[in-house]
Amino acid sequence: MARTQSSLREANRARVVDAVKKHGSLTQVELTGATGLSPATVSTIVKELAAAEVVEVRNTVRTGRRAQLVTLAHRVGLVAGVVVGYRSMRVALADVGQEVLAELTLPLPADHRSDTSLDRAALLIVDLLERVGSQLDELLGIGLGVPAPVNPTTGMLSVRGVLRGWDAVQIAQVLEKRLSRPVFVDNDANLGALAESTVGAGRAWRDMMYVGVSHGVGAGIVIGGRVHRGVDGTAGEIGHVQVDPAGRICTCGSRGCLNTVVGLPALLEPLRVSHGNLSLRDVVRLARDDDPGCREIVADAGERVGAVVATLATGLGPQGVVVGGELAEAGEIFLAPLRAALERRTLLNQAGGPEVVPATLGLRAELVGAVALALEHTDVFDRPDSDRRTERTDEETPGR
């Protein structure tokens, strides 16, 4: 009986800690709702965790009433998030309460290779640790996002050619070897979905989609509050849905994928004669400044993306769609045509389809998601110098 009570107490402690890890900070009343435990049980567990310096409690005001806000204690350790894009890398260092302490952005050359890019990631993480006065042994884990589908079991790219120079690379193991810390790898759109569904625009939805549109297009799917990756990590790869059977060959080897129509080269090419060489950021800025050509390009992209999102939404029936990435920075110029295309094609829903909103976290969604991924697989009851890790199945642990 004593063992059963002890196991139940540990399970309840873990539920409270997991809830705080997921949302960053909660009041005790909110913890009661998030965990399903009684207020008395939550109060007792919070006191125990505060005494053990696992959580910190401070006074706050919610809905006009005083409340106690529970967050994970900073002393437990740090986590890092890394997002590797086609032409840039972003790295962040955060505490276990998901507060970002420092971050850096580094430009990358076209077709950058995995070995040099992961070397740079390791150096940037060490640099950030030095900036905040911490050591590598205080780092509990690293979440890493890449713009390609990742097999949840192997942590390797599941589609060849999508990210050149990264095929057949055991990404997590390579970075782990450089830093001797656990690494978890996932697709960048999945990380955007993880962030926006827990601390962003989709926080109130159990079923949602995150659509990221920058150099390419990807979607992250959340079902029942959990990111759905599919058996090989290709769930949500809408950038490789065929939209033009006679179109260009995509990096995946297929013809006429959505990425060939709204990817960076396709967006910039029609503007080259009239505007010269532009970057994606230039196009978004000019569109917001009412440049007619750039507005047309951005609006067309929104309509094409919306048509494909509608097909996926018809099958999944999400409550909402959160849109992020650089093109989403154009605001309603991009979102309005996307929303209209979605409403036209989700005919089974008399309300006009799921709500479409911009990402609350903006361009930082994937980076915040990488931090959340590392934290999701970190056992805060361990000390940073401990070798013991929480046991998880391959399905629960992306990229390990």
Protein backbone atom coordinates (compact mmCIF):
# COMPACT_ATOMS: atom_id res chain seq x y z
CA MET A 1 0.00 0.00 0.00
CA ALA A 2 2.82 2.38 0.89
CA ARG A 3 4.46 1.74 -2.47
CA THR A 4 1.16 2.37 -4.27
CA GLN A 5 0.66 5.69 -2.46
CA SER A 6 4.25 6.68 -3.19
CA SER A 7 3.83 5.87 -6.89
CA LEU A 8 0.59 7.85 -7.03
CA ARG A 9 2.24 10.83 -5.35
CA GLU A 10 5.15 10.74 -7.81
CA ALA A 11 2.73 10.46 -10.73
CA ASN A 12 0.78 13.47 -9.47
CA ARG A 13 4.01 15.44 -9.00
CA ALA A 14 4.96 14.63 -12.58
CA ARG A 15 1.54 15.78 -13.82
CA VAL A 16 1.96 19.13 -12.11
CA VAL A 17 5.51 19.60 -13.40
CA ASP A 18 4.54 18.56 -16.94
CA ALA A 19 1.69 21.09 -16.94
CA VAL A 20 4.04 23.89 -15.87
CA LYS A 21 6.64 22.77 -18.42
CA LYS A 22 4.05 22.84 -21.18
CA HIS A 23 2.57 26.25 -20.44
CA GLY A 24 5.54 28.06 -18.86
CA SER A 25 3.59 29.32 -15.82
CA LEU A 26 0.16 28.64 -14.30
CA THR A 27 -1.76 29.67 -11.23
CA GLN A 28 -2.73 26.94 -8.79
CA VAL A 29 -6.34 27.23 -9.97
CA GLU A 30 -5.20 26.76 -13.57
CA LEU A 31 -3.04 23.82 -12.49
CA THR A 32 -6.12 22.18 -11.01
CA GLY A 33 -7.88 22.42 -14.35
CA ALA A 34 -4.84 21.36 -16.37
CA THR A 35 -4.07 18.27 -14.28
CA GLY A 36 -7.52 17.17 -13.13
CA LEU A 37 -6.22 16.97 -9.55
CA SER A 38 -8.07 18.44 -6.59
CA PRO A 39 -7.14 21.93 -5.35
CA ALA A 40 -5.89 20.45 -2.07
CA THR A 41 -3.65 17.95 -3.88
CA VAL A 42 -2.26 20.66 -6.17
CA SER A 43 -1.57 22.93 -3.20
CA THR A 44 0.29 20.17 -1.34
CA ILE A 45 2.34 19.17 -4.39
CA VAL A 46 3.26 22.79 -5.17
CA LYS A 47 4.50 23.26 -1.60
CA GLU A 48 6.61 20.09 -1.87
CA LEU A 49 8.06 21.11 -5.24
CA ALA A 50 8.80 24.64 -3.98
CA ALA A 51 10.61 23.21 -0.95
CA ALA A 52 12.66 21.00 -3.29
CA GLU A 53 13.40 24.09 -5.45
CA VAL A 54 11.83 22.48 -8.50
CA VAL A 55 9.23 25.24 -8.83
CA GLU A 56 9.01 28.86 -7.75
CA VAL A 57 5.82 30.50 -6.47
CA ARG A 58 5.06 34.22 -6.56
CA ASN A 59 1.98 36.35 -6.08
CA THR A 60 0.08 37.64 -9.08
CA VAL A 61 -3.35 38.98 -10.03
CA ARG A 62 -5.72 37.11 -12.34
CA THR A 63 -9.23 38.34 -13.21
CA GLY A 64 -8.98 40.92 -10.45
CA ARG A 65 -8.08 38.43 -7.73
CA ARG A 66 -4.84 37.55 -6.05
CA ALA A 67 -3.35 34.23 -7.06
CA GLN A 68 -0.14 32.26 -6.78
CA LEU A 69 1.76 31.81 -10.03
CA VAL A 70 3.80 28.61 -10.32
CA THR A 71 6.86 28.44 -12.60
CA LEU A 72 9.77 26.04 -12.85
CA ALA A 73 12.78 27.12 -10.82
CA HIS A 74 15.65 28.60 -12.84
CA ARG A 75 18.23 26.63 -10.88
CA VAL A 76 17.03 23.36 -12.35
CA GLY A 77 18.98 23.97 -15.55
CA LEU A 78 18.87 25.33 -19.09
CA VAL A 79 17.74 24.11 -22.50
CA ALA A 80 18.73 25.23 -26.00
CA GLY A 81 16.72 25.59 -29.17
CA VAL A 82 18.21 25.59 -32.67
CA VAL A 83 16.36 26.18 -35.95
CA VAL A 84 18.32 25.59 -39.15
CA GLY A 85 16.76 27.28 -42.18
CA TYR A 86 17.75 27.35 -45.83
CA ARG A 87 19.81 30.53 -45.42
CA SER A 88 20.01 31.19 -41.67
CA MET A 89 20.30 29.60 -38.26
CA ARG A 90 18.72 30.78 -35.02
CA VAL A 91 19.85 29.60 -31.60
CA ALA A 92 18.27 30.36 -28.23
CA LEU A 93 19.10 29.53 -24.64
CA ALA A 94 16.22 29.34 -22.18
CA ASP A 95 15.50 28.32 -18.62
CA VAL A 96 13.06 25.54 -17.84
CA GLY A 97 10.29 28.09 -17.46
CA GLN A 98 10.64 28.75 -21.23
CA GLU A 99 12.04 32.23 -20.68
CA VAL A 100 14.59 32.92 -23.42
CA LEU A 101 17.77 34.26 -21.82
CA ALA A 102 19.82 34.86 -24.96
CA GLU A 103 19.63 34.18 -28.69
CA LEU A 104 21.65 34.60 -31.86
CA THR A 105 20.99 34.54 -35.60
CA LEU A 106 23.64 33.45 -38.12
CA PRO A 107 23.39 33.66 -41.93
CA LEU A 108 24.12 30.45 -43.81
CA PRO A 109 25.33 29.92 -47.38
CA ALA A 110 23.09 28.26 -49.94
CA ASP A 111 23.16 24.45 -49.81
CA HIS A 112 25.02 24.52 -46.49
CA ARG A 113 26.32 21.14 -45.34
CA SER A 114 25.26 19.39 -42.18
CA ASP A 115 28.74 19.04 -40.65
CA THR A 116 29.68 22.72 -40.85
CA SER A 117 26.20 23.89 -39.84
CA LEU A 118 26.08 21.62 -36.79
CA ASP A 119 29.60 22.75 -35.85
CA ARG A 120 28.33 26.33 -35.94
CA ALA A 121 25.30 25.40 -33.87
CA ALA A 122 27.54 23.86 -31.22
CA LEU A 123 29.77 26.94 -31.12
CA LEU A 124 26.78 29.27 -30.83
CA ILE A 125 25.31 27.26 -27.95
CA VAL A 126 28.62 27.43 -26.07
CA ASP A 127 28.81 31.15 -26.80
CA LEU A 128 25.33 31.74 -25.37
CA LEU A 129 26.15 29.71 -22.27
CA GLU A 130 29.19 31.91 -21.68
CA ARG A 131 27.08 35.03 -22.15
CA VAL A 132 24.71 34.05 -19.33
CA GLY A 133 27.54 32.80 -17.11
CA SER A 134 26.64 29.11 -17.32
CA GLN A 135 28.53 25.91 -18.10
CA LEU A 136 27.81 23.16 -20.60
CA ASP A 137 26.97 20.70 -17.83
CA GLU A 138 24.01 22.92 -16.89
CA LEU A 139 22.45 22.29 -20.30
CA LEU A 140 19.72 19.66 -19.96
CA GLY A 141 18.87 19.19 -23.63
CA ILE A 142 18.75 20.68 -27.13
CA GLY A 143 15.80 20.90 -29.52
CA LEU A 144 16.75 21.17 -33.20
CA GLY A 145 14.45 22.06 -36.09
CA VAL A 146 15.14 21.59 -39.80
CA PRO A 147 13.07 22.54 -42.90
CA ALA A 148 12.47 18.94 -43.95
CA PRO A 149 10.45 15.93 -42.76
CA VAL A 150 12.20 14.06 -39.96
CA ASN A 151 11.63 10.39 -39.15
CA PRO A 152 10.49 10.39 -35.49
CA THR A 153 12.30 7.14 -34.77
CA THR A 154 15.68 7.68 -36.44
CA GLY A 155 15.99 11.47 -36.33
CA MET A 156 17.10 11.39 -39.97
CA LEU A 157 15.44 13.10 -42.94
CA SER A 158 12.72 10.87 -44.32
CA VAL A 159 12.68 12.38 -47.84
CA ARG A 160 15.89 12.66 -49.84
CA GLY A 161 16.84 15.86 -51.67
CA VAL A 162 14.62 18.25 -49.70
CA LEU A 163 17.56 19.60 -47.68
CA ARG A 164 20.68 19.00 -49.73
CA GLY A 165 23.75 17.88 -47.84
CA TRP A 166 21.70 16.48 -44.94
CA ASP A 167 20.55 13.15 -46.41
CA ALA A 168 21.55 10.03 -44.45
CA VAL A 169 22.94 12.16 -41.59
CA GLN A 170 22.16 11.07 -38.03
CA ILE A 171 21.56 14.66 -36.98
CA ALA A 172 20.94 14.19 -33.27
CA GLN A 173 23.97 11.91 -32.82
CA VAL A 174 26.27 14.33 -34.67
CA LEU A 175 25.38 17.28 -32.42
CA GLU A 176 25.35 15.10 -29.31
CA LYS A 177 28.91 14.04 -30.10
CA ARG A 178 29.99 17.68 -30.26
CA LEU A 179 28.35 18.78 -27.00
CA SER A 180 27.73 15.56 -25.02
CA ARG A 181 24.15 16.66 -24.34
CA PRO A 182 20.89 14.99 -25.49
CA VAL A 183 19.50 16.32 -28.78
CA PHE A 184 15.96 15.98 -30.17
CA VAL A 185 15.25 16.71 -33.86
CA ASP A 186 11.99 17.62 -35.57
CA ASN A 187 10.59 19.41 -38.60
CA ASP A 188 10.45 23.19 -38.18
CA ALA A 189 6.71 23.42 -38.93
CA ASN A 190 6.03 20.83 -36.22
CA LEU A 191 7.98 23.03 -33.81
CA GLY A 192 5.90 26.04 -34.85
CA ALA A 193 2.78 23.99 -34.15
CA LEU A 194 4.14 22.90 -30.77
CA ALA A 195 4.86 26.50 -29.75
CA GLU A 196 1.65 28.10 -31.02
CA SER A 197 -0.52 25.33 -29.55
CA THR A 198 0.99 25.66 -26.08
CA VAL A 199 1.89 29.33 -25.59
CA GLY A 200 0.66 31.02 -28.78
CA ALA A 201 -2.42 31.72 -30.86
CA GLY A 202 -3.72 28.13 -30.77
CA ARG A 203 -3.51 27.67 -27.03
CA ALA A 204 -7.31 27.33 -26.67
CA TRP A 205 -7.62 24.73 -29.45
CA ARG A 206 -7.20 20.98 -29.08
CA ASP A 207 -7.14 20.45 -32.85
CA MET A 208 -5.29 22.97 -35.01
CA MET A 209 -2.83 23.46 -37.84
CA TYR A 210 0.24 25.66 -38.01
CA VAL A 211 1.23 26.75 -41.52
CA GLY A 212 4.71 28.22 -41.98
CA VAL A 213 5.45 30.03 -45.24
CA SER A 214 8.96 31.34 -45.87
CA HIS A 215 11.42 29.88 -48.38
CA GLY A 216 9.01 26.95 -48.62
CA VAL A 217 5.70 25.83 -47.13
CA GLY A 218 5.10 23.37 -44.33
CA ALA A 219 2.36 22.55 -41.87
CA GLY A 220 2.35 21.20 -38.34
CA ILE A 221 -0.74 19.30 -37.20
CA VAL A 222 -2.01 19.18 -33.63
CA ILE A 223 -4.65 16.57 -32.76
CA GLY A 224 -5.98 16.26 -29.25
CA GLY A 225 -3.35 18.69 -28.00
CA ARG A 226 -0.41 16.66 -29.38
CA VAL A 227 1.68 17.20 -32.49
CA HIS A 228 0.89 14.54 -35.09
CA ARG A 229 3.96 13.61 -37.13
CA GLY A 230 2.90 10.50 -39.00
CA VAL A 231 4.75 7.21 -39.13
CA ASP A 232 7.68 8.63 -41.14
CA GLY A 233 7.44 12.29 -40.13
CA THR A 234 5.84 13.48 -43.39
CA ALA A 235 2.47 14.53 -41.92
CA GLY A 236 1.78 18.13 -42.87
CA GLU A 237 4.25 18.33 -45.76
CA ILE A 238 1.88 20.44 -47.84
CA GLY A 239 4.78 22.04 -49.70
CA HIS A 240 5.02 18.77 -51.62
CA VAL A 241 1.36 18.52 -52.60
CA GLN A 242 1.06 18.67 -56.39
CA VAL A 243 -0.76 21.77 -57.63
CA ASP A 244 0.50 21.87 -61.24
CA PRO A 245 0.92 18.51 -63.05
CA ALA A 246 2.92 20.24 -65.80
CA GLY A 247 4.96 22.37 -63.40
CA ARG A 248 8.60 22.45 -62.43
CA ILE A 249 10.48 19.61 -60.78
CA CYS A 250 10.61 20.05 -57.01
CA THR A 251 13.56 19.25 -54.75
CA CYS A 252 11.66 16.14 -53.64
CA GLY A 253 11.74 14.83 -57.22
CA SER A 254 8.04 15.31 -57.99
CA ARG A 255 6.60 17.76 -60.50
CA GLY A 256 4.55 20.86 -59.73
CA CYS A 257 4.58 20.79 -55.91
CA LEU A 258 3.22 23.77 -54.01
CA ASN A 259 6.81 24.78 -53.18
CA THR A 260 7.53 25.22 -56.89
CA VAL A 261 4.68 27.72 -57.09
CA VAL A 262 5.05 29.72 -53.86
CA GLY A 263 8.62 28.90 -52.82
CA LEU A 264 11.24 31.65 -52.82
CA PRO A 265 12.43 31.31 -56.46
CA ALA A 266 8.84 31.28 -57.75
CA LEU A 267 8.01 34.41 -55.76
CA LEU A 268 11.06 36.40 -56.82
CA GLU A 269 11.32 35.48 -60.51
CA PRO A 270 8.25 37.45 -61.74
CA LEU A 271 9.56 40.58 -59.99
CA ARG A 272 13.11 40.44 -61.31
CA VAL A 273 12.53 42.50 -64.46
CA SER A 274 10.51 45.23 -62.73
CA HIS A 275 12.20 45.27 -59.30
CA GLY A 276 15.66 43.77 -59.73
CA ASN A 277 17.09 41.34 -57.20
CA LEU A 278 14.94 41.24 -54.08
CA SER A 279 14.97 39.17 -50.93
CA LEU A 280 11.82 37.69 -49.42
CA ARG A 281 12.00 40.33 -46.70
CA ASP A 282 12.11 43.02 -49.41
CA VAL A 283 8.98 41.62 -51.07
CA VAL A 284 7.06 41.61 -47.79
CA ARG A 285 8.21 45.14 -46.94
CA LEU A 286 7.28 46.49 -50.38
CA ALA A 287 3.91 44.74 -50.25
CA ARG A 288 3.17 46.43 -46.93
CA ASP A 289 4.22 49.72 -48.53
CA ASP A 290 1.52 49.22 -51.20
CA ASP A 291 3.84 48.27 -54.07
CA PRO A 292 1.29 46.81 -56.55
CA GLY A 293 3.55 44.11 -57.98
CA CYS A 294 4.66 42.79 -54.60
CA ARG A 295 1.12 42.92 -53.23
CA GLU A 296 -0.04 40.85 -56.21
CA ILE A 297 2.69 38.25 -55.71
CA VAL A 298 2.00 37.94 -51.97
CA ALA A 299 -1.78 37.76 -52.44
CA ASP A 300 -1.47 35.10 -55.15
CA ALA A 301 0.73 33.06 -52.83
CA GLY A 302 -1.87 33.34 -50.07
CA GLU A 303 -4.59 32.02 -52.37
CA ARG A 304 -2.49 29.07 -53.56
CA VAL A 305 -1.50 28.11 -50.03
CA GLY A 306 -5.09 28.49 -48.84
CA ALA A 307 -6.35 26.08 -51.50
CA VAL A 308 -3.98 23.34 -50.31
CA VAL A 309 -4.61 24.08 -46.64
CA ALA A 310 -8.35 23.71 -47.34
CA THR A 311 -7.86 20.16 -48.59
CA LEU A 312 -5.95 19.20 -45.45
CA ALA A 313 -8.44 21.00 -43.21
CA THR A 314 -11.37 19.21 -44.85
CA GLY A 315 -9.84 15.89 -43.84
CA LEU A 316 -8.77 16.93 -40.33
CA GLY A 317 -11.48 19.38 -39.27
CA PRO A 318 -9.28 21.62 -37.10
CA GLN A 319 -10.70 24.37 -34.91
CA GLY A 320 -8.22 26.86 -36.30
CA VAL A 321 -5.24 27.53 -38.53
CA VAL A 322 -2.29 29.58 -37.27
CA VAL A 323 -0.15 31.09 -40.03
CA GLY A 324 3.49 32.02 -39.48
CA GLY A 325 6.69 32.50 -41.43
CA GLU A 326 8.03 35.47 -43.36
CA LEU A 327 5.11 35.78 -45.78
CA ALA A 328 2.70 35.95 -42.85
CA GLU A 329 4.50 39.16 -41.85
CA ALA A 330 2.65 40.78 -44.77
CA GLY A 331 -0.49 40.56 -42.64
CA GLU A 332 -3.90 40.62 -44.32
CA ILE A 333 -2.30 41.04 -47.76
CA PHE A 334 -1.35 37.37 -47.43
CA LEU A 335 -3.88 36.14 -44.86
CA ALA A 336 -7.06 37.49 -46.49
CA PRO A 337 -6.65 35.54 -49.78
CA LEU A 338 -5.59 32.45 -47.81
CA ARG A 339 -8.66 32.76 -45.59
CA ALA A 340 -10.96 33.31 -48.59
CA ALA A 341 -9.61 30.26 -50.41
CA LEU A 342 -10.06 28.18 -47.28
CA GLU A 343 -13.65 29.35 -46.81
CA ARG A 344 -14.55 28.63 -50.45
CA ARG A 345 -13.28 25.07 -50.30
CA THR A 346 -14.40 23.88 -46.86
CA LEU A 347 -17.99 23.49 -48.01
CA LEU A 348 -18.94 20.86 -45.45
CA ASN A 349 -18.61 23.39 -42.66
CA GLN A 350 -21.55 25.83 -42.76
CA ALA A 351 -19.62 28.23 -40.52
CA GLY A 352 -17.10 28.77 -43.31
CA GLY A 353 -14.24 26.57 -42.12
CA PRO A 354 -11.67 26.94 -39.35
CA GLU A 355 -10.60 30.30 -37.99
CA VAL A 356 -7.39 31.66 -39.54
CA VAL A 357 -5.13 33.79 -37.35
CA PRO A 358 -1.52 35.02 -37.52
CA ALA A 359 1.08 33.38 -35.30
CA THR A 360 1.32 35.14 -31.95
CA LEU A 361 5.02 34.30 -31.78
CA GLY A 362 5.67 35.58 -35.30
CA LEU A 363 9.02 34.59 -36.78
CA ARG A 364 10.11 33.13 -33.43
CA ALA A 365 7.49 30.37 -33.37
CA GLU A 366 9.82 27.60 -34.57
CA LEU A 367 12.59 28.71 -32.21
CA VAL A 368 10.24 28.76 -29.23
CA GLY A 369 9.07 25.32 -30.36
CA ALA A 370 12.65 24.02 -30.43
CA VAL A 371 13.07 25.16 -26.83
CA ALA A 372 9.76 23.49 -25.93
CA LEU A 373 10.86 20.26 -27.65
CA ALA A 374 14.00 20.10 -25.53
CA LEU A 375 12.02 20.85 -22.39
CA GLU A 376 9.34 18.31 -23.28
CA HIS A 377 11.92 15.54 -23.07
CA THR A 378 13.78 16.80 -20.04
CA ASP A 379 13.37 15.35 -16.56
CA VAL A 380 13.51 18.36 -14.25
CA PHE A 381 13.82 16.08 -11.23
CA ASP A 382 17.31 15.22 -12.49
CA ARG A 383 20.22 17.50 -11.78
CA PRO A 384 22.14 18.71 -14.87
CA ASP A 385 25.14 16.50 -14.08
CA SER A 386 23.02 13.36 -13.84
CA ASP A 387 23.11 10.77 -16.59
CA ARG A 388 19.60 9.53 -15.83
CA ARG A 389 16.97 10.56 -18.38
CA THR A 390 13.21 10.11 -18.44
CA GLU A 391 12.37 6.90 -20.28
CA ARG A 392 10.20 7.46 -23.35
CA THR A 393 9.14 5.46 -26.36
CA ASP A 394 10.42 6.28 -29.83
CA GLU A 395 6.98 7.61 -30.74
CA GLU A 396 7.08 10.06 -27.84
CA THR A 397 10.66 11.19 -28.49
CA PRO A 398 11.22 12.80 -31.91
CA GLY A 399 14.66 12.41 -33.36
CA ARG A 400 16.28 10.25 -30.69
